[in-house]
Amino acid sequence: MDIQSALYSGMQGFARASAGVTDATLEINRQSQQNRQNETEQAVAQAAAPQQASVAPREPASLTDSLVQLGQEERNAQANVRSIQTADEVLGTVIDIRV
């Protein structure tokens, strides 16, 4: 097993997972803001024309996909951290053996 390769792969994987967490978090924030804006627009429309038939509510953006992605990226990051820790332990053992 090439320790440097394992360590490098773990670092790359962790960086990708970190970027994925950031992307998912930004998407959740964007969707939450959009949902709030839709709710505000509906409230204003209902207040402006209370005697008219109620405005059909807009379907709120689904946060499910972004939340699932966030969970997946979190587990991906944890797995890559474990990979880095294992490579570090193996490197420590090799150094102890050679000394």
C-alpha atoms as a PDB file:
ATOM      1  CA  MET A   1       0.000   0.000   0.000  1.00  0.00           C
ATOM      2  CA  ASP A   2       1.378   3.364  -0.997  1.00  0.00           C
ATOM      3  CA  ILE A   3       0.909   5.542   2.093  1.00  0.00           C
ATOM      4  CA  GLN A   4       1.385   8.819   0.245  1.00  0.00           C
ATOM      5  CA  SER A   5      -1.249   7.792  -2.290  1.00  0.00           C
ATOM      6  CA  ALA A   6      -3.733   6.886   0.468  1.00  0.00           C
ATOM      7  CA  LEU A   7      -3.061  10.137   2.291  1.00  0.00           C
ATOM      8  CA  TYR A   8      -3.382  12.174  -0.907  1.00  0.00           C
ATOM      9  CA  SER A   9      -6.620  10.411  -1.887  1.00  0.00           C
ATOM     10  CA  GLY A  10      -8.049  11.076   1.560  1.00  0.00           C
ATOM     11  CA  MET A  11      -7.141  14.749   1.355  1.00  0.00           C
ATOM     12  CA  GLN A  12      -8.674  15.093  -2.113  1.00  0.00           C
ATOM     13  CA  GLY A  13     -11.819  13.293  -1.022  1.00  0.00           C
ATOM     14  CA  PHE A  14     -12.146  15.481   2.040  1.00  0.00           C
ATOM     15  CA  ALA A  15     -11.751  18.619  -0.088  1.00  0.00           C
ATOM     16  CA  ARG A  16     -14.492  17.391  -2.466  1.00  0.00           C
ATOM     17  CA  ALA A  17     -16.769  16.558   0.461  1.00  0.00           C
ATOM     18  CA  SER A  18     -16.141  19.970   1.997  1.00  0.00           C
ATOM     19  CA  ALA A  19     -17.044  21.662  -1.296  1.00  0.00           C
ATOM     20  CA  GLY A  20     -20.172  19.483  -1.510  1.00  0.00           C
ATOM     21  CA  VAL A  21     -21.236  20.498   2.000  1.00  0.00           C
ATOM     22  CA  THR A  22     -20.784  24.145   1.038  1.00  0.00           C
ATOM     23  CA  ASP A  23     -22.823  23.701  -2.147  1.00  0.00           C
ATOM     24  CA  ALA A  24     -25.637  21.877  -0.338  1.00  0.00           C
ATOM     25  CA  THR A  25     -25.715  24.509   2.402  1.00  0.00           C
ATOM     26  CA  LEU A  26     -25.901  27.338  -0.124  1.00  0.00           C
ATOM     27  CA  GLU A  27     -28.724  25.559  -1.972  1.00  0.00           C
ATOM     28  CA  ILE A  28     -30.662  25.041   1.273  1.00  0.00           C
ATOM     29  CA  ASN A  29     -30.247  28.724   2.074  1.00  0.00           C
ATOM     30  CA  ARG A  30     -31.361  29.750  -1.430  1.00  0.00           C
ATOM     31  CA  GLN A  31     -34.434  27.540  -1.278  1.00  0.00           C
ATOM     32  CA  SER A  32     -35.347  28.789   2.197  1.00  0.00           C
ATOM     33  CA  GLN A  33     -35.152  32.397   1.042  1.00  0.00           C
ATOM     34  CA  GLN A  34     -37.232  31.589  -2.031  1.00  0.00           C
ATOM     35  CA  ASN A  35     -39.874  29.892   0.141  1.00  0.00           C
ATOM     36  CA  ARG A  36     -40.034  32.921   2.444  1.00  0.00           C
ATOM     37  CA  GLN A  37     -40.383  35.243  -0.537  1.00  0.00           C
ATOM     38  CA  ASN A  38     -43.204  33.111  -1.968  1.00  0.00           C
ATOM     39  CA  GLU A  39     -45.019  33.154   1.379  1.00  0.00           C
ATOM     40  CA  THR A  40     -44.673  36.936   1.584  1.00  0.00           C
ATOM     41  CA  GLU A  41     -45.975  37.403  -1.954  1.00  0.00           C
ATOM     42  CA  GLN A  42     -48.969  35.181  -1.186  1.00  0.00           C
ATOM     43  CA  ALA A  43     -49.747  37.109   1.998  1.00  0.00           C
ATOM     44  CA  VAL A  44     -49.557  40.445   0.142  1.00  0.00           C
ATOM     45  CA  ALA A  45     -51.777  39.155  -2.659  1.00  0.00           C
ATOM     46  CA  GLN A  46     -54.364  37.877  -0.185  1.00  0.00           C
ATOM     47  CA  ALA A  47     -54.302  41.144   1.764  1.00  0.00           C
ATOM     48  CA  ALA A  48     -54.712  43.198  -1.436  1.00  0.00           C
ATOM     49  CA  ALA A  49     -57.703  41.234  -2.675  1.00  0.00           C
ATOM     50  CA  PRO A  50     -59.375  39.491   0.270  1.00  0.00           C
ATOM     51  CA  GLN A  51     -62.756  39.216  -1.471  1.00  0.00           C
ATOM     52  CA  GLN A  52     -61.343  37.488  -4.545  1.00  0.00           C
ATOM     53  CA  ALA A  53     -60.811  33.758  -4.698  1.00  0.00           C
ATOM     54  CA  SER A  54     -57.671  32.815  -2.886  1.00  0.00           C
ATOM     55  CA  VAL A  55     -54.537  32.821  -4.962  1.00  0.00           C
ATOM     56  CA  ALA A  56     -53.322  29.339  -5.740  1.00  0.00           C
ATOM     57  CA  PRO A  57     -50.308  28.777  -3.493  1.00  0.00           C
ATOM     58  CA  ARG A  58     -47.010  28.278  -5.218  1.00  0.00           C
ATOM     59  CA  GLU A  59     -45.399  24.979  -4.572  1.00  0.00           C
ATOM     60  CA  PRO A  60     -42.489  25.535  -2.157  1.00  0.00           C
ATOM     61  CA  ALA A  61     -39.097  24.428  -3.318  1.00  0.00           C
ATOM     62  CA  SER A  62     -38.215  21.019  -1.963  1.00  0.00           C
ATOM     63  CA  LEU A  63     -35.362  20.993   0.482  1.00  0.00           C
ATOM     64  CA  THR A  64     -35.229  17.210   0.560  1.00  0.00           C
ATOM     65  CA  ASP A  65     -32.626  16.764  -2.180  1.00  0.00           C
ATOM     66  CA  SER A  66     -30.318  19.367  -0.678  1.00  0.00           C
ATOM     67  CA  LEU A  67     -30.661  17.890   2.806  1.00  0.00           C
ATOM     68  CA  VAL A  68     -29.920  14.406   1.477  1.00  0.00           C
ATOM     69  CA  GLN A  69     -26.870  15.744  -0.369  1.00  0.00           C
ATOM     70  CA  LEU A  70     -25.708  17.456   2.826  1.00  0.00           C
ATOM     71  CA  GLY A  71     -25.967  14.172   4.745  1.00  0.00           C
ATOM     72  CA  GLN A  72     -24.133  12.260   2.025  1.00  0.00           C
ATOM     73  CA  GLU A  73     -21.316  14.786   1.900  1.00  0.00           C
ATOM     74  CA  GLU A  74     -21.022  14.688   5.696  1.00  0.00           C
ATOM     75  CA  ARG A  75     -20.590  10.905   5.624  1.00  0.00           C
ATOM     76  CA  ASN A  76     -18.180  11.227   2.710  1.00  0.00           C
ATOM     77  CA  ALA A  77     -16.080  13.681   4.709  1.00  0.00           C
ATOM     78  CA  GLN A  78     -16.091  11.351   7.733  1.00  0.00           C
ATOM     79  CA  ALA A  79     -14.947   8.427   5.582  1.00  0.00           C
ATOM     80  CA  ASN A  80     -12.124  10.476   4.091  1.00  0.00           C
ATOM     81  CA  VAL A  81     -11.018  11.679   7.524  1.00  0.00           C
ATOM     82  CA  ARG A  82     -10.863   8.041   8.618  1.00  0.00           C
ATOM     83  CA  SER A  83      -8.773   7.271   5.534  1.00  0.00           C
ATOM     84  CA  ILE A  84      -6.349  10.065   6.438  1.00  0.00           C
ATOM     85  CA  GLN A  85      -6.151   8.842  10.048  1.00  0.00           C
ATOM     86  CA  THR A  86      -5.417   5.292   8.900  1.00  0.00           C
ATOM     87  CA  ALA A  87      -2.664   6.444   6.531  1.00  0.00           C
ATOM     88  CA  ASP A  88      -1.199   8.517   9.372  1.00  0.00           C
ATOM     89  CA  GLU A  89      -1.239   5.516  11.729  1.00  0.00           C
ATOM     90  CA  VAL A  90       0.390   3.279   9.115  1.00  0.00           C
ATOM     91  CA  LEU A  91       3.075   5.902   8.458  1.00  0.00           C
ATOM     92  CA  GLY A  92       3.705   6.183  12.214  1.00  0.00           C
ATOM     93  CA  THR A  93       4.050   2.414  12.474  1.00  0.00           C
ATOM     94  CA  VAL A  94       6.489   2.295   9.555  1.00  0.00           C
ATOM     95  CA  ILE A  95       8.594   5.046  11.123  1.00  0.00           C
ATOM     96  CA  ASP A  96       8.596   3.221  14.484  1.00  0.00           C
ATOM     97  CA  ILE A  97       9.692  -0.009  12.799  1.00  0.00           C
ATOM     98  CA  ARG A  98      12.590   1.680  10.970  1.00  0.00           C
ATOM     99  CA  VAL A  99      13.866   3.527  14.041  1.00  0.00           C
END
